[in-house]
Structures are given as C-alpha cells and as structure tokens.
Amino acid sequence: MPAELPPYTVVIPVFNGERYVRRAVASAAAQTVPAAEILVVDDGSTDASADLAASHPGVRVLTHATNRGLSAARNTGIAAAATGLVALLDSDDAWDADKMARQLPVFAARPDVAVVFCDFRAVNVAGEKVGWQGGTRDRVAKLGLTFEPAADALVLVGSTTEALIRETSFLHPSSVVARHAAFAAAGPFDVSYRYAEDLEMWIRLSAVGRTAYVDRNLVTIEVRPDSLGHQTAKMAKYLTDLYATLPARFPDATPETKRAVAAFLKRECAGLAWHHREQGDRPLARDYYRRSLAAGWSLRTFLAYLRSYA
C-alpha cells in the first residue's frame, strides 16, 4: 500500500448469502489499493456463507451464533476493525477495482473529513443493469450544499445533515468509507432499526465530521425481490419512525427541512394507513391516519380515517 494512503478494513456482513458472498469478497480483495484486513461477519447463517467467505485467502470470519440483524453485524465488524478507516460492503454488492484508490486520498488530504461516499449502478440477479445513482452533485447542490475539491473528491459544504433528511439519504452503505473514530463518536448502528438503519447512522455521522463525495459509479448493487429496499411497507414503517424523531433531535433545523419532514410523515403515514387497511388491520390503519393528519391536514386522509370506522 502506498505510504501516503491510510490503511483500511473492509466489513462485510452476510446472512444466508452463499450465492453472492464470494463475489463481494473477491471485489474487496481485488482493490488496486489492498485492504489491511477483510472481515466477514456471518450473522447466524444456516447455509455455507461462512465457509465460502473463509475459503478466500486473507479473510477473517466473525460469527454470530444467531441472526441478530444487519445493524448488529456491522457493529461487530466495526468494533473488530484494527485500522483507522472502515469500508462497508454488503454481501450482495461488489466494488470496482479502483474504488478505494479513489476514495482514500481525500482522507489523507483532509483530516476533517469523516465519511467519503460514491455513486453506484444497480443490476438484477441476471447481472443486467436496471438503474444507477448518478447526478448526486446536482441533487445536493439543489439542497443548498456547495463543494470544495479535495484529491479526487468533493467535500460537501453546508448542512449535510439537513440535506440527508430532505433527500431521504443519498449514501448507499456499500459506497461508504468512514473513519473508525467517527463511528466511535457517532455510536453504533441502532439495532432497533431493521430498515433505515443506514440513514439513521449517516445523520449521526454527518454531525461528527465533513462528508465527501467521489463523483463516479464505483459500486454495483444487486436488486432482488427480497432485497431490504424492496420491502416497501416495512421500510416505510421504520422510516416514519425515524422521521418522527427528527423534530426533537433537530429543533433548529431550517424551515425547509421542517417542511420536508412534515411532508414526508404526512405522505408515508397515509400510505401505511392505506396498506394496513387493505390488510384488514383497521386499528393500526387509524393510528397511521392520525399520524398523517398530525403532520399535515388533508381532507382526503380525514375522510379515509372516518371510513376506517365503518
């Protein structure tokens, strides 16, 4: 590893991922700037995930006896990391070979940077491209952020915290590299979140130090029918729980951010109310209707709330 670039640890959580974990590990091992260590956290898998990961030279497998969830698995890996930088990689994703070579220099150049992320492309299980995240620079600029060039990255200037909230995040976990000290200062991933745990962490990390962005698609994520992000109702539930905490956590947020939080809660709670009504759970539907109305009045939602008693 070039002396000027800091060493890093790769943390790969896996649960029953024998079909794809070797691809993730191989992409981490193939970096043009090699990792100091690659840690795979087997989160109680009942398949061959741990054995397949361990078969790759240089990989250390940490094991949970039972499935404890993605947040707990990431926390185990981060706690065990022996380097000053930690790079997250989900077991069904893969990195381009030059990903870390493009992200590491900004840490060397800017001690105030806590997190560096990049864009990604999305593929289906057949490997066909189905989408990508690009144009992040323009999107965050519209949220009021500006940029300072640093190495091969752009350091975000302004309230990254409020931009994350208003955009409902623009960081994918497999794109993120962060200082170990920043994770320690922010605290561990919240294990009470089975979904949206990443956004909750990015919000806390953004308060610890600066965030930087490499304007390239350097990660391939696989989108499957059982992917966490595809489980819409469950994701919405945890996101609304998170957004409900934000007014108290950020009482001095700008009016634009406060309006964005209220609009999110109004929309998503109404959607969850409809979902639970269709599932036959009217008491829970009424609760979400009330939460939607508390966030913002809507005659349509109010009438749907009244009909839920019929």
C-alpha atoms as a PDB file:
ATOM      1  CA  MET A   1       0.000   0.000   0.000  1.00  0.00           C
ATOM      2  CA  PRO A   2       1.394   3.444  -0.864  1.00  0.00           C
ATOM      3  CA  ALA A   3       2.724   5.064   2.295  1.00  0.00           C
ATOM      4  CA  GLU A   4       0.661   8.215   1.830  1.00  0.00           C
ATOM      5  CA  LEU A   5      -2.669   6.389   1.853  1.00  0.00           C
ATOM      6  CA  PRO A   6      -4.134   5.273   5.183  1.00  0.00           C
ATOM      7  CA  PRO A   7      -4.856   1.575   5.804  1.00  0.00           C
ATOM      8  CA  TYR A   8      -8.447   0.408   5.857  1.00  0.00           C
ATOM      9  CA  THR A   9     -10.608  -2.520   6.939  1.00  0.00           C
ATOM     10  CA  VAL A  10     -13.454  -3.954   4.867  1.00  0.00           C
ATOM     11  CA  VAL A  11     -16.536  -5.042   6.817  1.00  0.00           C
ATOM     12  CA  ILE A  12     -18.900  -7.426   5.004  1.00  0.00           C
ATOM     13  CA  PRO A  13     -21.998  -8.608   6.907  1.00  0.00           C
ATOM     14  CA  VAL A  14     -23.698 -11.701   5.499  1.00  0.00           C
ATOM     15  CA  PHE A  15     -26.774 -13.767   6.291  1.00  0.00           C
ATOM     16  CA  ASN A  16     -27.525 -16.787   4.103  1.00  0.00           C
ATOM     17  CA  GLY A  17     -25.673 -15.240   1.196  1.00  0.00           C
ATOM     18  CA  GLU A  18     -23.834 -18.235  -0.228  1.00  0.00           C
ATOM     19  CA  ARG A  19     -24.928 -17.318  -3.770  1.00  0.00           C
ATOM     20  CA  TYR A  20     -23.124 -13.986  -3.814  1.00  0.00           C
ATOM     21  CA  VAL A  21     -20.783 -13.502  -0.847  1.00  0.00           C
ATOM     22  CA  ARG A  22     -17.741 -14.736  -2.770  1.00  0.00           C
ATOM     23  CA  ARG A  23     -18.313 -12.016  -5.372  1.00  0.00           C
ATOM     24  CA  ALA A  24     -18.300  -9.329  -2.679  1.00  0.00           C
ATOM     25  CA  VAL A  25     -15.177 -10.733  -1.038  1.00  0.00           C
ATOM     26  CA  ALA A  26     -13.400 -11.060  -4.382  1.00  0.00           C
ATOM     27  CA  SER A  27     -14.153  -7.443  -5.267  1.00  0.00           C
ATOM     28  CA  ALA A  28     -12.761  -6.293  -1.919  1.00  0.00           C
ATOM     29  CA  ALA A  29      -9.644  -8.408  -2.387  1.00  0.00           C
ATOM     30  CA  ALA A  30      -9.113  -7.104  -5.934  1.00  0.00           C
ATOM     31  CA  GLN A  31      -8.713  -3.447  -4.957  1.00  0.00           C
ATOM     32  CA  THR A  32      -5.728  -1.719  -6.525  1.00  0.00           C
ATOM     33  CA  VAL A  33      -5.014  -0.376  -3.034  1.00  0.00           C
ATOM     34  CA  PRO A  34      -5.276  -3.551  -0.931  1.00  0.00           C
ATOM     35  CA  ALA A  35      -7.137  -3.674   2.364  1.00  0.00           C
ATOM     36  CA  ALA A  36      -5.239  -4.218   5.595  1.00  0.00           C
ATOM     37  CA  GLU A  37      -7.943  -6.718   6.535  1.00  0.00           C
ATOM     38  CA  ILE A  38     -11.234  -8.075   5.237  1.00  0.00           C
ATOM     39  CA  LEU A  39     -13.731  -9.011   7.949  1.00  0.00           C
ATOM     40  CA  VAL A  40     -16.826 -11.028   7.070  1.00  0.00           C
ATOM     41  CA  VAL A  41     -19.446 -11.094   9.816  1.00  0.00           C
ATOM     42  CA  ASP A  42     -21.603 -14.185   9.469  1.00  0.00           C
ATOM     43  CA  ASP A  43     -24.878 -13.232  11.109  1.00  0.00           C
ATOM     44  CA  GLY A  44     -26.166 -16.678  12.062  1.00  0.00           C
ATOM     45  CA  SER A  45     -26.312 -18.105   8.537  1.00  0.00           C
ATOM     46  CA  THR A  46     -27.671 -21.611   8.062  1.00  0.00           C
ATOM     47  CA  ASP A  47     -26.029 -22.049   4.651  1.00  0.00           C
ATOM     48  CA  ALA A  48     -22.387 -22.171   3.551  1.00  0.00           C
ATOM     49  CA  SER A  49     -21.806 -18.393   3.655  1.00  0.00           C
ATOM     50  CA  ALA A  50     -19.142 -18.509   6.367  1.00  0.00           C
ATOM     51  CA  ASP A  51     -17.211 -21.370   4.768  1.00  0.00           C
ATOM     52  CA  LEU A  52     -17.274 -19.748   1.346  1.00  0.00           C
ATOM     53  CA  ALA A  53     -16.024 -16.440   2.751  1.00  0.00           C
ATOM     54  CA  ALA A  54     -13.312 -18.159   4.794  1.00  0.00           C
ATOM     55  CA  SER A  55     -12.086 -20.017   1.722  1.00  0.00           C
ATOM     56  CA  HIS A  56     -10.760 -16.760   0.287  1.00  0.00           C
ATOM     57  CA  PRO A  57      -7.154 -16.077   1.372  1.00  0.00           C
ATOM     58  CA  GLY A  58      -6.763 -13.296   3.899  1.00  0.00           C
ATOM     59  CA  VAL A  59     -10.404 -13.179   5.017  1.00  0.00           C
ATOM     60  CA  ARG A  60     -11.275 -13.372   8.707  1.00  0.00           C
ATOM     61  CA  VAL A  61     -14.786 -14.538   9.551  1.00  0.00           C
ATOM     62  CA  LEU A  62     -16.528 -13.358  12.713  1.00  0.00           C
ATOM     63  CA  THR A  63     -19.605 -15.354  13.668  1.00  0.00           C
ATOM     64  CA  HIS A  64     -22.897 -14.619  15.390  1.00  0.00           C
ATOM     65  CA  ALA A  65     -24.455 -17.783  16.812  1.00  0.00           C
ATOM     66  CA  THR A  66     -27.926 -16.484  15.890  1.00  0.00           C
ATOM     67  CA  ASN A  67     -29.237 -13.952  13.410  1.00  0.00           C
ATOM     68  CA  ARG A  68     -29.055 -10.551  15.104  1.00  0.00           C
ATOM     69  CA  GLY A  69     -29.696  -8.282  12.123  1.00  0.00           C
ATOM     70  CA  LEU A  70     -27.675  -6.139   9.757  1.00  0.00           C
ATOM     71  CA  SER A  71     -27.010  -3.359  12.268  1.00  0.00           C
ATOM     72  CA  ALA A  72     -25.574  -5.784  14.826  1.00  0.00           C
ATOM     73  CA  ALA A  73     -23.407  -7.467  12.180  1.00  0.00           C
ATOM     74  CA  ARG A  74     -21.955  -4.156  11.024  1.00  0.00           C
ATOM     75  CA  ASN A  75     -21.336  -3.147  14.634  1.00  0.00           C
ATOM     76  CA  THR A  76     -19.399  -6.380  15.260  1.00  0.00           C
ATOM     77  CA  GLY A  77     -17.198  -5.774  12.238  1.00  0.00           C
ATOM     78  CA  ILE A  78     -16.558  -2.110  13.005  1.00  0.00           C
ATOM     79  CA  ALA A  79     -15.679  -2.913  16.624  1.00  0.00           C
ATOM     80  CA  ALA A  80     -13.172  -5.536  15.459  1.00  0.00           C
ATOM     81  CA  ALA A  81     -11.522  -3.336  12.818  1.00  0.00           C
ATOM     82  CA  ALA A  82      -7.855  -2.653  13.562  1.00  0.00           C
ATOM     83  CA  THR A  83      -7.412   0.303  11.205  1.00  0.00           C
ATOM     84  CA  GLY A  84      -8.349   3.960  11.244  1.00  0.00           C
ATOM     85  CA  LEU A  85     -10.699   3.620   8.273  1.00  0.00           C
ATOM     86  CA  VAL A  86     -13.627   1.245   7.781  1.00  0.00           C
ATOM     87  CA  ALA A  87     -15.193   0.498   4.385  1.00  0.00           C
ATOM     88  CA  LEU A  88     -18.654  -1.064   4.366  1.00  0.00           C
ATOM     89  CA  LEU A  89     -19.647  -3.611   1.726  1.00  0.00           C
ATOM     90  CA  ASP A  90     -22.945  -5.504   1.710  1.00  0.00           C
ATOM     91  CA  SER A  91     -22.534  -9.163   0.811  1.00  0.00           C
ATOM     92  CA  ASP A  92     -24.684  -8.930  -2.335  1.00  0.00           C
ATOM     93  CA  ASP A  93     -22.806  -5.937  -3.753  1.00  0.00           C
ATOM     94  CA  ALA A  94     -19.415  -5.530  -5.422  1.00  0.00           C
ATOM     95  CA  TRP A  95     -16.796  -2.808  -5.833  1.00  0.00           C
ATOM     96  CA  ASP A  96     -14.953  -1.625  -8.908  1.00  0.00           C
ATOM     97  CA  ALA A  97     -11.240  -2.350  -8.550  1.00  0.00           C
ATOM     98  CA  ASP A  98     -10.306   1.326  -8.210  1.00  0.00           C
ATOM     99  CA  LYS A  99     -12.983   2.272  -5.670  1.00  0.00           C
ATOM    100  CA  MET A 100     -10.731   2.578  -2.652  1.00  0.00           C
ATOM    101  CA  ALA A 101      -7.917   4.149  -4.677  1.00  0.00           C
ATOM    102  CA  ARG A 102     -10.302   6.995  -5.497  1.00  0.00           C
ATOM    103  CA  GLN A 103     -11.741   7.377  -2.002  1.00  0.00           C
ATOM    104  CA  LEU A 104      -8.689   7.057   0.239  1.00  0.00           C
ATOM    105  CA  PRO A 105      -6.741  10.149  -0.896  1.00  0.00           C
ATOM    106  CA  VAL A 106      -9.314  12.563   0.498  1.00  0.00           C
ATOM    107  CA  PHE A 107      -8.811  11.133   4.000  1.00  0.00           C
ATOM    108  CA  ALA A 108      -5.092  11.794   3.701  1.00  0.00           C
ATOM    109  CA  ALA A 109      -5.683  15.305   2.374  1.00  0.00           C
ATOM    110  CA  ARG A 110      -8.486  16.363   4.716  1.00  0.00           C
ATOM    111  CA  PRO A 111      -8.348  15.323   8.400  1.00  0.00           C
ATOM    112  CA  ASP A 112     -11.759  16.971   8.919  1.00  0.00           C
ATOM    113  CA  VAL A 113     -13.479  14.523   6.555  1.00  0.00           C
ATOM    114  CA  ALA A 114     -15.259  11.714   8.405  1.00  0.00           C
ATOM    115  CA  VAL A 115     -17.087   9.993   5.520  1.00  0.00           C
ATOM    116  CA  VAL A 116     -16.474   9.510   1.800  1.00  0.00           C
ATOM    117  CA  PHE A 117     -19.096   8.002  -0.489  1.00  0.00           C
ATOM    118  CA  CYS A 118     -19.601   7.483  -4.224  1.00  0.00           C
ATOM    119  CA  ASP A 119     -22.365   6.675  -6.688  1.00  0.00           C
ATOM    120  CA  PHE A 120     -23.421   3.191  -7.789  1.00  0.00           C
ATOM    121  CA  ARG A 121     -25.094   1.193 -10.534  1.00  0.00           C
ATOM    122  CA  ALA A 122     -27.892  -1.336  -9.898  1.00  0.00           C
ATOM    123  CA  VAL A 123     -28.246  -4.741 -11.594  1.00  0.00           C
ATOM    124  CA  ASN A 124     -30.779  -7.555 -11.352  1.00  0.00           C
ATOM    125  CA  VAL A 125     -29.932 -11.160 -10.465  1.00  0.00           C
ATOM    126  CA  ALA A 126     -29.039 -11.799 -14.110  1.00  0.00           C
ATOM    127  CA  GLY A 127     -26.435  -9.042 -13.999  1.00  0.00           C
ATOM    128  CA  GLU A 128     -28.450  -6.710 -16.250  1.00  0.00           C
ATOM    129  CA  LYS A 129     -28.240  -3.024 -15.381  1.00  0.00           C
ATOM    130  CA  VAL A 130     -31.585  -1.758 -14.104  1.00  0.00           C
ATOM    131  CA  GLY A 131     -30.593   1.643 -12.786  1.00  0.00           C
ATOM    132  CA  TRP A 132     -27.918   3.737 -11.171  1.00  0.00           C
ATOM    133  CA  GLN A 133     -27.358   6.592  -8.805  1.00  0.00           C
ATOM    134  CA  GLY A 134     -25.813   9.487 -10.646  1.00  0.00           C
ATOM    135  CA  GLY A 135     -26.088  13.225 -10.675  1.00  0.00           C
ATOM    136  CA  THR A 136     -25.646  13.392  -6.915  1.00  0.00           C
ATOM    137  CA  ARG A 137     -23.615  16.572  -7.273  1.00  0.00           C
ATOM    138  CA  ASP A 138     -26.525  18.369  -8.916  1.00  0.00           C
ATOM    139  CA  ARG A 139     -29.076  16.931  -6.496  1.00  0.00           C
ATOM    140  CA  VAL A 140     -27.281  18.014  -3.354  1.00  0.00           C
ATOM    141  CA  ALA A 141     -26.476  21.397  -4.879  1.00  0.00           C
ATOM    142  CA  LYS A 142     -30.225  21.967  -5.173  1.00  0.00           C
ATOM    143  CA  LEU A 143     -30.414  21.303  -1.428  1.00  0.00           C
ATOM    144  CA  GLY A 144     -28.102  24.245  -0.768  1.00  0.00           C
ATOM    145  CA  LEU A 145     -24.750  22.467  -0.481  1.00  0.00           C
ATOM    146  CA  THR A 146     -21.604  23.671  -2.210  1.00  0.00           C
ATOM    147  CA  PHE A 147     -18.307  21.859  -2.784  1.00  0.00           C
ATOM    148  CA  GLU A 148     -14.607  22.109  -2.052  1.00  0.00           C
ATOM    149  CA  PRO A 149     -12.341  19.973  -4.269  1.00  0.00           C
ATOM    150  CA  ALA A 150     -10.062  17.613  -2.345  1.00  0.00           C
ATOM    151  CA  ALA A 151      -7.978  14.947  -4.070  1.00  0.00           C
ATOM    152  CA  ASP A 152     -10.403  13.013  -6.328  1.00  0.00           C
ATOM    153  CA  ALA A 153     -13.418  14.025  -4.258  1.00  0.00           C
ATOM    154  CA  LEU A 154     -15.706  16.927  -3.453  1.00  0.00           C
ATOM    155  CA  VAL A 155     -16.129  17.909   0.198  1.00  0.00           C
ATOM    156  CA  LEU A 156     -19.721  18.920   0.897  1.00  0.00           C
ATOM    157  CA  VAL A 157     -20.074  22.394   2.403  1.00  0.00           C
ATOM    158  CA  GLY A 158     -23.242  23.243   4.297  1.00  0.00           C
ATOM    159  CA  SER A 159     -25.598  21.167   6.412  1.00  0.00           C
ATOM    160  CA  THR A 160     -25.096  17.628   5.144  1.00  0.00           C
ATOM    161  CA  THR A 161     -27.393  16.506   7.953  1.00  0.00           C
ATOM    162  CA  GLU A 162     -30.327  18.510   6.647  1.00  0.00           C
ATOM    163  CA  ALA A 163     -29.585  17.530   3.054  1.00  0.00           C
ATOM    164  CA  LEU A 164     -29.697  13.848   4.032  1.00  0.00           C
ATOM    165  CA  ILE A 165     -33.014  14.384   5.778  1.00  0.00           C
ATOM    166  CA  ARG A 166     -34.585  16.306   2.913  1.00  0.00           C
ATOM    167  CA  GLU A 167     -33.387  13.830   0.283  1.00  0.00           C
ATOM    168  CA  THR A 168     -34.095  10.725   2.442  1.00  0.00           C
ATOM    169  CA  SER A 169     -30.376   9.940   2.084  1.00  0.00           C
ATOM    170  CA  PHE A 170     -28.064   9.823  -0.919  1.00  0.00           C
ATOM    171  CA  LEU A 171     -25.476   7.395   0.506  1.00  0.00           C
ATOM    172  CA  HIS A 172     -25.563   3.674  -0.174  1.00  0.00           C
ATOM    173  CA  PRO A 173     -23.862   1.598   2.569  1.00  0.00           C
ATOM    174  CA  SER A 174     -21.572  -0.206   0.117  1.00  0.00           C
ATOM    175  CA  SER A 175     -20.267   3.146  -1.100  1.00  0.00           C
ATOM    176  CA  VAL A 176     -19.298   4.422   2.343  1.00  0.00           C
ATOM    177  CA  VAL A 177     -15.841   4.649   3.869  1.00  0.00           C
ATOM    178  CA  ALA A 178     -15.613   6.298   7.293  1.00  0.00           C
ATOM    179  CA  ARG A 179     -13.053   6.962   9.968  1.00  0.00           C
ATOM    180  CA  HIS A 180     -13.150   4.452  12.801  1.00  0.00           C
ATOM    181  CA  ALA A 181     -13.039   7.391  15.206  1.00  0.00           C
ATOM    182  CA  ALA A 182     -16.134   8.858  13.556  1.00  0.00           C
ATOM    183  CA  PHE A 183     -18.067   5.632  14.116  1.00  0.00           C
ATOM    184  CA  ALA A 184     -16.896   5.669  17.733  1.00  0.00           C
ATOM    185  CA  ALA A 185     -18.046   9.264  18.191  1.00  0.00           C
ATOM    186  CA  ALA A 186     -21.402   8.711  16.478  1.00  0.00           C
ATOM    187  CA  GLY A 187     -22.137   5.459  18.294  1.00  0.00           C
ATOM    188  CA  PRO A 188     -23.064   2.054  16.841  1.00  0.00           C
ATOM    189  CA  PHE A 189     -25.770   1.310  14.295  1.00  0.00           C
ATOM    190  CA  ASP A 190     -29.102   1.281  16.104  1.00  0.00           C
ATOM    191  CA  VAL A 191     -30.143  -2.378  16.317  1.00  0.00           C
ATOM    192  CA  SER A 192     -33.782  -1.412  16.876  1.00  0.00           C
ATOM    193  CA  TYR A 193     -33.946  -0.464  13.185  1.00  0.00           C
ATOM    194  CA  ARG A 194     -34.266  -3.412  10.825  1.00  0.00           C
ATOM    195  CA  TYR A 195     -34.618  -0.954   7.923  1.00  0.00           C
ATOM    196  CA  ALA A 196     -33.472   2.668   7.511  1.00  0.00           C
ATOM    197  CA  GLU A 197     -30.630   1.940   9.934  1.00  0.00           C
ATOM    198  CA  ASP A 198     -28.178   3.336   7.405  1.00  0.00           C
ATOM    199  CA  LEU A 199     -29.864   6.752   7.077  1.00  0.00           C
ATOM    200  CA  GLU A 200     -30.091   6.992  10.856  1.00  0.00           C
ATOM    201  CA  MET A 201     -26.331   6.368  11.039  1.00  0.00           C
ATOM    202  CA  TRP A 202     -25.472   8.810   8.229  1.00  0.00           C
ATOM    203  CA  ILE A 203     -27.403  11.528  10.050  1.00  0.00           C
ATOM    204  CA  ARG A 204     -25.314  10.949  13.187  1.00  0.00           C
ATOM    205  CA  LEU A 205     -22.038  10.647  11.273  1.00  0.00           C
ATOM    206  CA  SER A 206     -22.710  13.897   9.428  1.00  0.00           C
ATOM    207  CA  ALA A 207     -22.577  15.706  12.768  1.00  0.00           C
ATOM    208  CA  VAL A 208     -19.148  14.238  13.589  1.00  0.00           C
ATOM    209  CA  GLY A 209     -17.175  15.481  10.592  1.00  0.00           C
ATOM    210  CA  ARG A 210     -17.319  16.541   6.972  1.00  0.00           C
ATOM    211  CA  THR A 211     -18.697  14.339   4.197  1.00  0.00           C
ATOM    212  CA  ALA A 212     -17.008  13.988   0.810  1.00  0.00           C
ATOM    213  CA  TYR A 213     -18.221  12.563  -2.478  1.00  0.00           C
ATOM    214  CA  VAL A 214     -16.445  10.867  -5.387  1.00  0.00           C
ATOM    215  CA  ASP A 215     -18.487  11.651  -8.494  1.00  0.00           C
ATOM    216  CA  ARG A 216     -18.254   8.182 -10.052  1.00  0.00           C
ATOM    217  CA  ASN A 217     -20.237   4.927 -10.079  1.00  0.00           C
ATOM    218  CA  LEU A 218     -17.795   2.653  -8.266  1.00  0.00           C
ATOM    219  CA  VAL A 219     -20.186   0.104  -6.741  1.00  0.00           C
ATOM    220  CA  THR A 220     -22.548  -2.459  -8.261  1.00  0.00           C
ATOM    221  CA  ILE A 221     -25.556  -3.308  -6.126  1.00  0.00           C
ATOM    222  CA  GLU A 222     -27.799  -6.263  -6.815  1.00  0.00           C
ATOM    223  CA  VAL A 223     -31.542  -5.624  -6.644  1.00  0.00           C
ATOM    224  CA  ARG A 224     -33.578  -8.716  -5.811  1.00  0.00           C
ATOM    225  CA  PRO A 225     -37.272  -9.184  -4.979  1.00  0.00           C
ATOM    226  CA  ASP A 226     -36.273  -9.964  -1.388  1.00  0.00           C
ATOM    227  CA  SER A 227     -33.870  -7.025  -1.064  1.00  0.00           C
ATOM    228  CA  LEU A 228     -34.496  -4.892   2.008  1.00  0.00           C
ATOM    229  CA  GLY A 229     -35.238  -1.823  -0.067  1.00  0.00           C
ATOM    230  CA  HIS A 230     -37.960  -3.709  -1.938  1.00  0.00           C
ATOM    231  CA  GLN A 231     -39.917  -4.483   1.211  1.00  0.00           C
ATOM    232  CA  THR A 232     -41.789  -1.229   0.886  1.00  0.00           C
ATOM    233  CA  ALA A 233     -44.204  -1.322   3.820  1.00  0.00           C
ATOM    234  CA  LYS A 234     -41.550  -2.452   6.286  1.00  0.00           C
ATOM    235  CA  MET A 235     -39.116   0.169   5.032  1.00  0.00           C
ATOM    236  CA  ALA A 236     -41.773   2.870   5.277  1.00  0.00           C
ATOM    237  CA  LYS A 237     -42.588   1.868   8.839  1.00  0.00           C
ATOM    238  CA  TYR A 238     -39.011   2.301  10.032  1.00  0.00           C
ATOM    239  CA  LEU A 239     -38.510   5.478   8.020  1.00  0.00           C
ATOM    240  CA  THR A 240     -41.613   7.089   9.507  1.00  0.00           C
ATOM    241  CA  ASP A 241     -40.447   6.050  12.977  1.00  0.00           C
ATOM    242  CA  LEU A 242     -37.097   7.718  12.261  1.00  0.00           C
ATOM    243  CA  TYR A 243     -38.616  10.895  10.803  1.00  0.00           C
ATOM    244  CA  ALA A 244     -40.953  11.198  13.768  1.00  0.00           C
ATOM    245  CA  THR A 245     -37.848  11.630  15.981  1.00  0.00           C
ATOM    246  CA  LEU A 246     -36.250  14.341  13.854  1.00  0.00           C
ATOM    247  CA  PRO A 247     -38.166  17.456  15.032  1.00  0.00           C
ATOM    248  CA  ALA A 248     -36.997  16.850  18.614  1.00  0.00           C
ATOM    249  CA  ARG A 249     -33.471  15.935  17.537  1.00  0.00           C
ATOM    250  CA  PHE A 250     -33.061  18.980  15.304  1.00  0.00           C
ATOM    251  CA  PRO A 251     -35.206  21.789  16.738  1.00  0.00           C
ATOM    252  CA  ASP A 252     -33.068  24.408  14.977  1.00  0.00           C
ATOM    253  CA  ALA A 253     -33.469  22.892  11.503  1.00  0.00           C
ATOM    254  CA  THR A 254     -34.296  25.278   8.698  1.00  0.00           C
ATOM    255  CA  PRO A 255     -37.945  25.850   7.780  1.00  0.00           C
ATOM    256  CA  GLU A 256     -37.330  23.966   4.510  1.00  0.00           C
ATOM    257  CA  THR A 257     -36.152  20.892   6.400  1.00  0.00           C
ATOM    258  CA  LYS A 258     -39.022  21.072   8.879  1.00  0.00           C
ATOM    259  CA  ARG A 259     -41.484  21.248   5.987  1.00  0.00           C
ATOM    260  CA  ALA A 260     -39.763  18.299   4.291  1.00  0.00           C
ATOM    261  CA  VAL A 261     -40.048  16.188   7.447  1.00  0.00           C
ATOM    262  CA  ALA A 262     -43.733  17.081   7.881  1.00  0.00           C
ATOM    263  CA  ALA A 263     -44.474  16.356   4.204  1.00  0.00           C
ATOM    264  CA  PHE A 264     -42.696  13.004   4.453  1.00  0.00           C
ATOM    265  CA  LEU A 265     -44.664  11.970   7.524  1.00  0.00           C
ATOM    266  CA  LYS A 266     -47.941  13.149   6.025  1.00  0.00           C
ATOM    267  CA  ARG A 267     -47.371  11.156   2.815  1.00  0.00           C
ATOM    268  CA  GLU A 268     -45.804   7.993   4.206  1.00  0.00           C
ATOM    269  CA  CYS A 269     -48.161   7.620   7.170  1.00  0.00           C
ATOM    270  CA  ALA A 270     -51.130   7.974   4.829  1.00  0.00           C
ATOM    271  CA  GLY A 271     -49.649   5.284   2.615  1.00  0.00           C
ATOM    272  CA  LEU A 272     -49.088   2.966   5.563  1.00  0.00           C
ATOM    273  CA  ALA A 273     -52.639   3.594   6.756  1.00  0.00           C
ATOM    274  CA  TRP A 274     -53.984   2.516   3.365  1.00  0.00           C
ATOM    275  CA  HIS A 275     -51.712  -0.560   3.388  1.00  0.00           C
ATOM    276  CA  HIS A 276     -52.857  -1.714   6.824  1.00  0.00           C
ATOM    277  CA  ARG A 277     -56.499  -1.028   5.994  1.00  0.00           C
ATOM    278  CA  GLU A 278     -56.137  -3.274   2.946  1.00  0.00           C
ATOM    279  CA  GLN A 279     -54.520  -5.902   5.175  1.00  0.00           C
ATOM    280  CA  GLY A 280     -57.534  -5.763   7.481  1.00  0.00           C
ATOM    281  CA  ASP A 281     -55.780  -4.114  10.441  1.00  0.00           C
ATOM    282  CA  ARG A 282     -58.060  -1.124  10.925  1.00  0.00           C
ATOM    283  CA  PRO A 283     -56.816  -0.091  14.390  1.00  0.00           C
ATOM    284  CA  LEU A 284     -53.252   0.204  13.053  1.00  0.00           C
ATOM    285  CA  ALA A 285     -54.553   1.946   9.935  1.00  0.00           C
ATOM    286  CA  ARG A 286     -56.339   4.511  12.102  1.00  0.00           C
ATOM    287  CA  ASP A 287     -53.155   5.123  14.058  1.00  0.00           C
ATOM    288  CA  TYR A 288     -51.286   5.927  10.842  1.00  0.00           C
ATOM    289  CA  TYR A 289     -54.139   8.117   9.610  1.00  0.00           C
ATOM    290  CA  ARG A 290     -53.877  10.105  12.851  1.00  0.00           C
ATOM    291  CA  ARG A 291     -50.125  10.433  12.451  1.00  0.00           C
ATOM    292  CA  SER A 292     -50.564  11.631   8.879  1.00  0.00           C
ATOM    293  CA  LEU A 293     -53.139  14.222   9.914  1.00  0.00           C
ATOM    294  CA  ALA A 294     -50.907  15.415  12.759  1.00  0.00           C
ATOM    295  CA  ALA A 295     -48.146  16.057  10.236  1.00  0.00           C
ATOM    296  CA  GLY A 296     -50.406  17.937   7.822  1.00  0.00           C
ATOM    297  CA  TRP A 297     -54.143  18.325   7.246  1.00  0.00           C
ATOM    298  CA  SER A 298     -55.738  16.575   4.280  1.00  0.00           C
ATOM    299  CA  LEU A 299     -59.467  16.266   3.669  1.00  0.00           C
ATOM    300  CA  ARG A 300     -58.892  13.048   1.716  1.00  0.00           C
ATOM    301  CA  THR A 301     -56.970  11.486   4.601  1.00  0.00           C
ATOM    302  CA  PHE A 302     -59.525  12.689   7.132  1.00  0.00           C
ATOM    303  CA  LEU A 303     -62.371  11.113   5.179  1.00  0.00           C
ATOM    304  CA  ALA A 304     -60.389   7.865   4.830  1.00  0.00           C
ATOM    305  CA  TYR A 305     -59.828   7.942   8.585  1.00  0.00           C
ATOM    306  CA  LEU A 306     -63.570   8.276   9.209  1.00  0.00           C
ATOM    307  CA  ARG A 307     -64.315   5.451   6.753  1.00  0.00           C
ATOM    308  CA  SER A 308     -61.935   3.181   8.657  1.00  0.00           C
ATOM    309  CA  TYR A 309     -64.519   3.060  11.447  1.00  0.00           C
ATOM    310  CA  ALA A 310     -67.271   1.873   9.098  1.00  0.00           C
END
